[in-house]
Structures are given as structure tokens and as C-alpha cells.
Amino acid sequence: MQPPSRVLWKVAYDKKRNESISIVTANNPWITDLSTYVFCESICDQLEWVKWNIANVSKGFTYCCPVFELAKTIPYLPDLRNTELLR
């Protein structure tokens, strides 16, 4: 399965601390309907290091989710179900 080209995503994994997170951003600064860009519920508000305005679509609509949640849409992501959140 190919990842949706309408988003860019990144997985961060700290093996030493066994923590991970996925960050997803829309590949379109002119979005009007966010529903086709969201694949999991955002938990960015739980991450102290997210300091930018994630809701500002013109600067890049972004959200964060556990890797195992994003893997439901992009199944070839690494199996990080047993990790804590990278906070």
C-alpha cells in the first residue's frame, strides 16, 4: 500500500528510551476539507516540544499520533506498538 500522496509523514523512534511518535503534515497549503488528510486523532497537545501552531493550514496543517495508529493507514511502518510516546 502506498502512503497517501496528500500527506508527508515522519516516524521518530528513540530506541534507548523505547519511545516513538509519528508526525503527519498536509502536502497542500490550500486545503479546505481536512477530513481526507487526517488518519488518526492528533495528540500534539500532549507533546511539550510541539511549539508551532498545528492548526494553521497556510503554514502546514500538522498532527501527531502514535505510530501504531498511523500504521492502520500505512501498514509498512515499523511495528512500534509496544513503545511509549516520544514526549
Protein backbone atom coordinates (compact mmCIF):
# COMPACT_ATOMS: atom_id res chain seq x y z
CA MET A 1 0.00 0.00 0.00
CA GLN A 2 1.37 3.40 -0.96
CA PRO A 3 1.07 6.23 1.56
CA PRO A 4 -1.45 8.86 0.55
CA SER A 5 0.45 11.45 -1.51
CA ARG A 6 -1.63 14.18 0.04
CA VAL A 7 0.45 13.95 3.24
CA LEU A 8 4.07 13.87 4.31
CA TRP A 9 4.87 11.78 7.37
CA LYS A 10 7.79 11.05 9.64
CA VAL A 11 8.31 8.48 12.37
CA ALA A 12 10.69 9.26 15.22
CA TYR A 13 11.90 6.41 17.43
CA ASP A 14 14.19 6.59 20.45
CA LYS A 15 15.37 3.00 20.85
CA LYS A 16 17.17 3.67 24.13
CA ARG A 17 14.02 5.07 25.81
CA ASN A 18 11.61 2.90 23.77
CA GLU A 19 9.56 5.91 22.68
CA SER A 20 8.08 6.79 19.31
CA ILE A 21 5.77 9.23 17.55
CA SER A 22 4.55 9.91 14.04
CA ILE A 23 4.14 13.41 12.63
CA VAL A 24 1.90 13.98 9.63
CA THR A 25 1.50 17.18 7.64
CA ALA A 26 -0.73 18.02 4.70
CA ASN A 27 1.01 18.31 1.35
CA ASN A 28 -1.33 21.12 0.32
CA PRO A 29 -1.35 24.69 1.70
CA TRP A 30 -4.77 25.38 0.16
CA ILE A 31 -6.81 22.70 1.92
CA THR A 32 -10.43 23.41 2.60
CA ASP A 33 -11.55 19.93 3.69
CA LEU A 34 -9.23 18.44 6.32
CA SER A 35 -11.13 15.15 6.56
CA THR A 36 -9.18 13.48 3.74
CA TYR A 37 -5.87 14.40 5.40
CA VAL A 38 -6.48 13.02 8.89
CA PHE A 39 -5.74 9.34 9.55
CA CYS A 40 -5.66 9.34 13.35
CA GLU A 41 -6.62 11.55 16.27
CA SER A 42 -3.99 14.18 16.98
CA ILE A 43 -2.11 14.03 20.26
CA CYS A 44 0.18 17.00 19.53
CA ASP A 45 -1.27 18.76 22.56
CA GLN A 46 0.37 16.08 24.74
CA LEU A 47 3.84 16.80 23.37
CA GLU A 48 5.78 19.58 25.08
CA TRP A 49 8.17 20.02 22.15
CA VAL A 50 5.40 20.87 19.64
CA LYS A 51 5.61 24.66 19.79
CA TRP A 52 4.21 25.62 16.39
CA ASN A 53 0.57 26.32 15.53
CA ILE A 54 -0.50 22.94 14.17
CA ALA A 55 -3.89 24.24 13.07
CA ASN A 56 -2.51 26.95 10.75
CA VAL A 57 -3.29 25.37 7.39
CA SER A 58 -1.43 28.02 5.39
CA LYS A 59 1.78 27.12 7.25
CA GLY A 60 1.16 23.39 7.02
CA PHE A 61 -1.65 21.57 8.78
CA THR A 62 0.10 19.08 11.08
CA TYR A 63 -0.91 16.43 13.56
CA CYS A 64 0.80 13.82 15.72
CA CYS A 65 -0.25 10.29 16.55
CA PRO A 66 1.13 7.05 17.93
CA VAL A 67 2.93 5.08 15.23
CA PHE A 68 0.64 2.06 15.65
CA GLU A 69 -2.36 4.31 14.85
CA LEU A 70 -0.82 5.66 11.64
CA ALA A 71 0.17 2.10 10.71
CA LYS A 72 -3.52 1.35 10.22
CA THR A 73 -3.31 3.57 7.10
CA ILE A 74 0.35 2.97 6.23
CA PRO A 75 0.86 -0.69 7.15
CA TYR A 76 4.56 -0.92 6.29
CA LEU A 77 5.56 1.39 9.15
CA PRO A 78 7.75 -0.25 11.79
CA ASP A 79 5.94 -2.25 14.45
CA LEU A 80 6.19 0.12 17.43
CA ARG A 81 3.04 -0.93 19.26
CA ASN A 82 4.95 -1.54 22.49
CA THR A 83 6.56 1.87 22.74
CA GLU A 84 5.71 4.86 24.88
CA LEU A 85 5.02 8.28 23.37
CA LEU A 86 8.08 10.31 22.46
CA ARG A 87 7.35 13.31 24.64
